[in-house]
Each structure stands twice: as structure tokens, then as C-alpha cells.
């Protein structure tokens, strides 16, 4: 919590220090880069932060999660809120997810924020180009993922058949774009006995049916991660000491798809796809999923339909 500056009319704001706020040699606050500094800052962010040894410059890092953005009320007004991120309500114009008093605290005018937003966009464009040149990626480059607005595809029983008919086309967005999918998560008080993924088999079958060359799947309506650790501050993750265990089904190697998914002739609403180690079916009428898989381990064991046998 960054302390808000106390005033006479509001002497005890949220996050204020009881006595004296000691943040070292600099005043307490959230510090932001001034993207109007142009190429000097841009090159520093690119070379040291994005492409550095602790980022995609490291052999084990091939992607980043770059969240949040700058938003300008003036730009939103000029473009009738058609610009990505508009209207500026996260919580106000300026940097998103930063204290709502940031504009006053920094002494920025509306024109300053407009200029900062435009320069931030230049920085992000340069970062995206640099990542792609390094064969790296970032979440915001995925289809329909813009700025801080995660929009993974979520499956519902009502949309099942319509979504699959569209996704199974060879020119569908699933085959042409990098896609993000979210496993439907319940909002209950989860325990180790409770199943937080109410339709895991249907979601997994859908993902295996429709995914193209580049696709990711994750937790719930954000779809960007997995709650390995409890995160009570956000109120939406389980109170388990070690988070939610990854389901066994997500540890299986289903191989590679051998064809596009297709609606079964004579069985409207039933979709199938063959993978090199599995056959996938989702019946949208009964909302029942069937995944038959064979997994060959390097040690010679075979897993067939989740039953482990020994290879002769």
C-alpha cells in the first residue's frame, strides 16, 4: 500500500503512516517512468529490462507477462472510446491500477497524460517488435488480449455447439491466432475435497478440439496462470495452503493433432478430433466429454484411458 499524502481535510487517508513515513532518501510514493524521455528510456527498457539476462535474454525465458497501460481521457474523447483501454476507469486516467490521486500528486495536466499515453504506446510497440524478433512472446499479443483486459475464451453449455462450429473451420481465429482459454472455476469456498473446476473434462476436451498451433489455457476468467499459492488479497483464489493442485488430466501428453475438429455426420452437436495419442469427443447436446488417450513414457510404461499397464 503506497501512502497517500495526508491533508488537513483528509488527515488519515488509506495507507497513511501512523507517525513518520520513512522510505529512505526519496519521498514515499509509487514511482513511474516518464515515457516522454523518448529513446533514452525506451532503449534502457528494451536492452536492460526486456532483453536483459534476467528476461528473454536468458535461454530459459521465452515470454513475458506485461500488464497495465496509460490511458488518456482526451484520447478517449477524441476517438469516442474506440481506442483500446477506453474509457479510463481503472481507476482513472493516467497509469492503470495506480492510486486515483496520481494525476494531482504528479502535477500532470490532461495534455501531459495524453502525451505520456502516446509515448507509452511507442514504447510498447518497440517492445512487441523486439520480442517477436527474439522469437519471444507476451500475453498482450494474444488474440483479444489488450492492455490489462484479460479475455480468455470460456466454454458454456449454451454456446458449445456454436463455438465449435466456428472454431473447427480452417480459417477460424483458433487456427490463425495465438489464443487464450480459461478453465471454468467456481466461486465457492474451496477445500481439498471440493472440485473447483466444475467442468474440467468438457473444458479440456474443447481446448483439445479447437486449439491451433499457438494456444494457452489457465485458471478461470483471467486464464493467465494457475493458483499454485493462495492469494487471499484478491478474494478469488482458494484458501488452500499450497493452492490448487494441477489436475492429473493436465499432466498427460496428448501428442499432436492429426486433423481439424469436425462435427460428426449424422450426429449434430457432436464434435471429434484425433490426436497422435488421443481421440477427443465433446457432445454439446448432453455436454459430455470423452477423452481416450494413450501415453507412452520413456521408461516403457503405457497409460491407456487412464489405466497404467506395463509394455511388453
Protein backbone atom coordinates (compact mmCIF):
# COMPACT_ATOMS: atom_id res chain seq x y z
CA UNK A 1 0.00 0.00 0.00
CA UNK A 2 1.55 3.29 -1.07
CA UNK A 3 0.81 6.02 1.47
CA UNK A 4 -1.47 8.77 0.20
CA UNK A 5 -0.32 12.24 1.25
CA UNK A 6 -2.36 13.38 4.29
CA UNK A 7 -4.10 16.75 4.04
CA UNK A 8 -5.89 18.96 6.56
CA UNK A 9 -9.27 17.94 5.19
CA UNK A 10 -8.26 14.27 4.96
CA UNK A 11 -5.58 13.72 7.62
CA UNK A 12 -5.80 9.93 7.76
CA UNK A 13 -6.12 8.53 4.22
CA UNK A 14 -5.95 4.84 3.42
CA UNK A 15 -2.39 3.62 3.71
CA UNK A 16 -1.01 6.63 5.59
CA UNK A 17 1.73 6.10 8.14
CA UNK A 18 0.87 6.43 11.83
CA UNK A 19 3.85 8.64 12.58
CA UNK A 20 6.52 9.38 10.00
CA UNK A 21 6.75 7.59 6.67
CA UNK A 22 10.41 6.64 6.25
CA UNK A 23 11.09 5.39 2.72
CA UNK A 24 14.78 6.24 2.72
CA UNK A 25 16.39 9.08 0.80
CA UNK A 26 13.40 9.59 -1.50
CA UNK A 27 9.81 10.56 -0.61
CA UNK A 28 7.36 7.71 -0.15
CA UNK A 29 5.29 7.01 -3.24
CA UNK A 30 4.78 4.94 -6.36
CA UNK A 31 7.41 5.89 -8.92
CA UNK A 32 6.62 5.76 -12.64
CA UNK A 33 8.78 6.02 -15.74
CA UNK A 34 8.35 9.19 -17.77
CA UNK A 35 7.96 7.82 -21.29
CA UNK A 36 8.27 11.34 -22.69
CA UNK A 37 12.02 10.93 -22.14
CA UNK A 38 12.00 9.26 -25.54
CA UNK A 39 14.69 6.96 -26.87
CA UNK A 40 16.90 7.11 -23.75
CA UNK A 41 14.25 5.47 -21.55
CA UNK A 42 12.97 3.30 -24.37
CA UNK A 43 16.40 1.82 -25.09
CA UNK A 44 17.01 1.23 -21.38
CA UNK A 45 13.73 -0.65 -21.00
CA UNK A 46 14.38 -2.66 -24.15
CA UNK A 47 18.00 -3.59 -23.61
CA UNK A 48 18.16 -3.89 -19.82
CA UNK A 49 14.67 -4.92 -18.73
CA UNK A 50 13.08 -6.73 -21.67
CA UNK A 51 16.06 -8.23 -23.49
CA UNK A 52 18.37 -8.47 -20.47
CA UNK A 53 19.85 -11.65 -18.96
CA UNK A 54 17.07 -11.90 -16.37
CA UNK A 55 14.38 -11.66 -19.04
CA UNK A 56 14.10 -13.00 -22.60
CA UNK A 57 17.86 -12.65 -22.96
CA UNK A 58 18.07 -15.77 -20.77
CA UNK A 59 17.90 -19.11 -22.56
CA UNK A 60 15.10 -20.35 -20.30
CA UNK A 61 12.77 -17.37 -20.79
CA UNK A 62 10.69 -17.12 -23.96
CA UNK A 63 7.79 -14.95 -22.86
CA UNK A 64 6.68 -12.17 -20.55
CA UNK A 65 3.52 -11.01 -18.85
CA UNK A 66 3.32 -7.25 -19.49
CA UNK A 67 0.30 -5.79 -17.72
CA UNK A 68 -1.38 -2.40 -17.43
CA UNK A 69 -1.10 0.75 -19.50
CA UNK A 70 -1.52 4.53 -19.69
CA UNK A 71 -4.94 5.92 -20.56
CA UNK A 72 -5.91 9.46 -21.59
CA UNK A 73 -9.38 10.97 -21.24
CA UNK A 74 -8.58 13.33 -24.10
CA UNK A 75 -7.68 10.45 -26.45
CA UNK A 76 -10.80 8.54 -25.40
CA UNK A 77 -12.93 11.61 -26.08
CA UNK A 78 -11.33 12.24 -29.48
CA UNK A 79 -11.83 8.62 -30.53
CA UNK A 80 -15.30 8.18 -29.00
CA UNK A 81 -13.93 5.48 -26.65
CA UNK A 82 -12.92 3.25 -29.56
CA UNK A 83 -9.24 3.23 -28.52
CA UNK A 84 -8.12 0.14 -26.59
CA UNK A 85 -8.40 0.75 -22.86
CA UNK A 86 -11.09 3.44 -23.12
CA UNK A 87 -12.83 4.71 -21.13
CA UNK A 88 -10.21 5.41 -18.46
CA UNK A 89 -11.80 3.74 -15.45
CA UNK A 90 -9.02 1.65 -13.91
CA UNK A 91 -9.50 3.65 -11.73
CA UNK A 92 -8.99 7.00 -13.52
CA UNK A 93 -6.99 8.40 -16.44
CA UNK A 94 -3.23 8.02 -16.24
CA UNK A 95 -1.46 4.78 -15.27
CA UNK A 96 -3.88 1.93 -14.58
CA UNK A 97 -4.14 0.26 -11.17
CA UNK A 98 -2.32 3.17 -9.55
CA UNK A 99 -3.71 5.43 -6.82
CA UNK A 100 -6.63 7.53 -8.08
CA UNK A 101 -4.88 10.72 -6.93
CA UNK A 102 -1.87 10.08 -9.17
CA UNK A 103 -2.53 12.99 -11.56
CA UNK A 104 -2.70 15.52 -8.73
CA UNK A 105 0.28 14.02 -6.91
CA UNK A 106 2.44 14.16 -10.06
CA UNK A 107 1.17 17.58 -11.12
CA UNK A 108 0.24 16.40 -14.61
CA UNK A 109 -2.23 18.18 -16.86
CA UNK A 110 -4.66 16.35 -19.16
CA UNK A 111 -2.34 17.22 -22.06
CA UNK A 112 0.61 15.76 -20.13
CA UNK A 113 -1.28 12.48 -19.69
CA UNK A 114 -2.22 12.47 -23.36
CA UNK A 115 1.44 12.90 -24.35
CA UNK A 116 2.55 10.25 -21.85
CA UNK A 117 -0.03 7.80 -23.19
CA UNK A 118 1.13 8.31 -26.77
CA UNK A 119 4.79 7.84 -25.80
CA UNK A 120 3.95 4.76 -23.71
CA UNK A 121 2.29 3.28 -26.82
CA UNK A 122 5.50 3.88 -28.77
CA UNK A 123 7.46 2.10 -26.05
CA UNK A 124 5.13 -0.90 -26.09
CA UNK A 125 5.23 -1.10 -29.88
CA UNK A 126 9.02 -1.20 -29.77
CA UNK A 127 8.91 -3.86 -27.04
CA UNK A 128 6.49 -6.04 -29.00
CA UNK A 129 8.65 -5.81 -32.12
CA UNK A 130 11.80 -6.64 -30.15
CA UNK A 131 10.14 -9.67 -28.52
CA UNK A 132 8.95 -11.05 -31.86
CA UNK A 133 12.42 -10.65 -33.36
CA UNK A 134 13.76 -12.78 -30.49
CA UNK A 135 11.06 -15.41 -31.09
CA UNK A 136 9.60 -14.45 -27.72
CA UNK A 137 6.05 -13.50 -26.82
CA UNK A 138 3.91 -11.59 -24.38
CA UNK A 139 0.35 -12.08 -23.16
CA UNK A 140 -0.94 -8.85 -24.70
CA UNK A 141 -0.07 -10.12 -28.20
CA UNK A 142 -2.62 -12.92 -27.91
CA UNK A 143 -5.91 -12.54 -29.73
CA UNK A 144 -8.37 -10.26 -27.90
CA UNK A 145 -5.93 -9.56 -25.05
CA UNK A 146 -5.33 -5.82 -24.81
CA UNK A 147 -3.55 -3.77 -22.17
CA UNK A 148 -4.86 -5.02 -18.80
CA UNK A 149 -8.10 -6.60 -20.01
CA UNK A 150 -7.75 -10.37 -19.98
CA UNK A 151 -10.41 -12.02 -22.12
CA UNK A 152 -9.79 -15.78 -22.31
CA UNK A 153 -12.38 -17.84 -24.12
CA UNK A 154 -14.74 -19.55 -21.67
CA UNK A 155 -16.93 -22.51 -22.63
CA UNK A 156 -20.60 -22.68 -21.69
CA UNK A 157 -23.12 -25.39 -22.45
CA UNK A 158 -25.35 -22.92 -24.29
CA UNK A 159 -22.52 -21.73 -26.58
CA UNK A 160 -20.84 -25.13 -27.02
CA UNK A 161 -22.12 -26.10 -30.49
CA UNK A 162 -21.96 -22.58 -31.93
CA UNK A 163 -18.41 -22.07 -30.67
CA UNK A 164 -17.21 -25.41 -32.01
CA UNK A 165 -18.79 -24.98 -35.44
CA UNK A 166 -16.94 -21.70 -35.75
CA UNK A 167 -13.65 -22.92 -34.26
CA UNK A 168 -13.46 -26.06 -36.41
CA UNK A 169 -13.13 -24.03 -39.62
CA UNK A 170 -9.61 -23.96 -41.05
CA UNK A 171 -9.76 -20.17 -41.24
CA UNK A 172 -11.08 -19.70 -37.69
CA UNK A 173 -9.34 -17.44 -35.18
CA UNK A 174 -8.22 -20.57 -33.31
CA UNK A 175 -6.17 -21.68 -36.30
CA UNK A 176 -4.85 -18.23 -37.26
CA UNK A 177 -4.08 -16.57 -33.93
CA UNK A 178 -2.45 -17.20 -30.57
CA UNK A 179 -5.39 -17.92 -28.26
CA UNK A 180 -6.03 -17.90 -24.52
CA UNK A 181 -8.55 -20.25 -22.90
CA UNK A 182 -9.84 -20.29 -19.31
CA UNK A 183 -10.90 -23.37 -17.36
CA UNK A 184 -14.23 -22.53 -15.70
CA UNK A 185 -13.65 -22.09 -11.96
CA UNK A 186 -16.35 -21.94 -9.31
CA UNK A 187 -16.55 -19.12 -6.78
CA UNK A 188 -17.11 -21.26 -3.68
CA UNK A 189 -15.00 -21.58 -0.57
CA UNK A 190 -12.76 -24.26 -1.97
CA UNK A 191 -11.31 -27.10 0.04
CA UNK A 192 -9.11 -30.01 -0.88
CA UNK A 193 -12.26 -32.17 -1.18
CA UNK A 194 -14.17 -29.71 -3.34
CA UNK A 195 -13.70 -29.65 -7.09
CA UNK A 196 -13.12 -26.01 -8.07
CA UNK A 197 -13.14 -26.84 -11.79
CA UNK A 198 -16.77 -27.74 -12.32
CA UNK A 199 -16.44 -28.77 -15.99
CA UNK A 200 -12.80 -29.78 -16.28
CA UNK A 201 -13.37 -32.63 -18.74
CA UNK A 202 -15.59 -30.51 -21.02
CA UNK A 203 -13.16 -27.58 -20.93
CA UNK A 204 -10.18 -29.79 -21.65
CA UNK A 205 -11.99 -31.56 -24.50
CA UNK A 206 -12.98 -28.21 -26.01
CA UNK A 207 -9.41 -26.92 -25.77
CA UNK A 208 -8.01 -30.05 -27.42
CA UNK A 209 -10.69 -29.91 -30.12
CA UNK A 210 -10.15 -26.32 -31.17
CA UNK A 211 -6.59 -25.30 -30.34
CA UNK A 212 -4.33 -24.30 -33.19
CA UNK A 213 -0.53 -24.04 -33.37
CA UNK A 214 -0.36 -21.50 -30.53
CA UNK A 215 -2.73 -21.69 -27.57
CA UNK A 216 -2.58 -21.41 -23.79
CA UNK A 217 -5.03 -22.47 -21.10
CA UNK A 218 -5.21 -21.29 -17.50
CA UNK A 219 -7.36 -20.60 -14.49
CA UNK A 220 -10.81 -19.10 -14.74
CA UNK A 221 -11.92 -15.81 -16.19
CA UNK A 222 -8.36 -14.46 -16.30
CA UNK A 223 -6.86 -17.62 -17.76
CA UNK A 224 -3.29 -16.39 -17.39
CA UNK A 225 -1.92 -18.50 -14.55
CA UNK A 226 -2.73 -21.21 -12.06
CA UNK A 227 -3.35 -20.63 -8.33
CA UNK A 228 -0.47 -22.70 -7.00
CA UNK A 229 -0.43 -20.43 -3.97
CA UNK A 230 -3.30 -18.88 -2.09
CA UNK A 231 -3.74 -15.17 -2.82
CA UNK A 232 -6.39 -14.00 -0.36
CA UNK A 233 -5.88 -10.30 -1.13
CA UNK A 234 -7.73 -10.72 -4.41
CA UNK A 235 -10.51 -12.74 -2.83
CA UNK A 236 -10.89 -15.10 -5.76
CA UNK A 237 -8.35 -17.82 -5.13
CA UNK A 238 -8.66 -20.82 -2.82
CA UNK A 239 -7.53 -20.74 0.80
CA UNK A 240 -5.55 -23.93 0.40
CA UNK A 241 -2.06 -23.62 1.91
CA UNK A 242 -0.42 -24.66 -1.35
CA UNK A 243 -3.04 -23.55 -3.84
CA UNK A 244 -4.98 -25.85 -6.16
CA UNK A 245 -3.14 -28.98 -7.33
CA UNK A 246 -2.81 -29.27 -11.09
CA UNK A 247 -5.35 -31.93 -12.21
CA UNK A 248 -3.91 -35.19 -13.43
CA UNK A 249 -5.52 -34.67 -16.82
CA UNK A 250 -3.28 -31.66 -17.42
CA UNK A 251 -0.12 -33.73 -16.89
CA UNK A 252 -0.92 -36.04 -19.82
CA UNK A 253 0.85 -35.70 -23.17
CA UNK A 254 -1.92 -35.98 -25.76
CA UNK A 255 0.51 -35.76 -28.65
CA UNK A 256 -0.18 -33.61 -31.69
CA UNK A 257 -3.45 -33.02 -33.56
CA UNK A 258 -3.72 -35.02 -36.78
CA UNK A 259 -6.71 -33.11 -38.19
CA UNK A 260 -9.06 -30.24 -37.55
CA UNK A 261 -12.04 -30.91 -35.33
CA UNK A 262 -15.27 -31.71 -37.13
CA UNK A 263 -18.95 -32.14 -36.39
CA UNK A 264 -19.86 -35.79 -36.73
CA UNK A 265 -22.03 -36.62 -39.75
CA UNK A 266 -25.47 -37.72 -38.66
CA UNK A 267 -24.83 -36.55 -35.09
CA UNK A 268 -25.35 -32.79 -34.96
CA UNK A 269 -23.75 -31.21 -31.93
CA UNK A 270 -21.15 -33.97 -31.52
CA UNK A 271 -17.57 -32.92 -32.33
CA UNK A 272 -14.47 -35.10 -32.66
CA UNK A 273 -10.77 -34.73 -33.31
CA UNK A 274 -7.96 -37.24 -33.49
CA UNK A 275 -4.60 -36.56 -31.86
CA UNK A 276 -1.50 -38.71 -32.18
CA UNK A 277 -2.07 -40.09 -28.66
CA UNK A 278 -5.74 -39.44 -28.08
CA UNK A 279 -9.21 -39.22 -29.54
CA UNK A 280 -11.35 -36.34 -28.33
CA UNK A 281 -15.14 -36.02 -28.35
CA UNK A 282 -17.49 -33.40 -26.95
CA UNK A 283 -21.23 -33.92 -27.19
CA UNK A 284 -22.78 -30.46 -26.86
CA UNK A 285 -26.27 -31.95 -26.57
CA UNK A 286 -25.55 -33.83 -23.35
CA UNK A 287 -22.49 -31.71 -22.54
CA UNK A 288 -20.46 -34.87 -22.09
CA UNK A 289 -16.77 -35.12 -22.93
CA UNK A 290 -14.85 -38.27 -23.83
CA UNK A 291 -11.05 -38.30 -23.96
CA UNK A 292 -9.40 -41.63 -24.82
CA UNK A 293 -5.66 -41.34 -24.64
CA UNK A 294 -2.54 -43.45 -24.83
CA UNK A 295 0.65 -42.09 -23.34
CA UNK A 296 3.98 -43.86 -23.82
CA UNK A 297 6.62 -42.95 -21.25
CA UNK A 298 10.35 -43.13 -21.87
CA UNK A 299 10.56 -45.88 -19.24
CA UNK A 300 8.37 -48.14 -21.39
CA UNK A 301 5.11 -47.77 -19.48
CA UNK A 302 1.86 -47.12 -21.25
CA UNK A 303 -1.14 -45.22 -19.92
CA UNK A 304 -4.33 -46.17 -21.73
CA UNK A 305 -7.58 -44.45 -20.84
CA UNK A 306 -6.00 -43.50 -17.50
CA UNK A 307 -5.21 -47.17 -16.71
CA UNK A 308 -1.50 -47.89 -16.37
CA UNK A 309 -0.15 -51.16 -17.79
CA UNK A 310 3.32 -52.48 -18.48
CA UNK A 311 4.70 -52.53 -22.00
CA UNK A 312 5.88 -55.97 -23.18
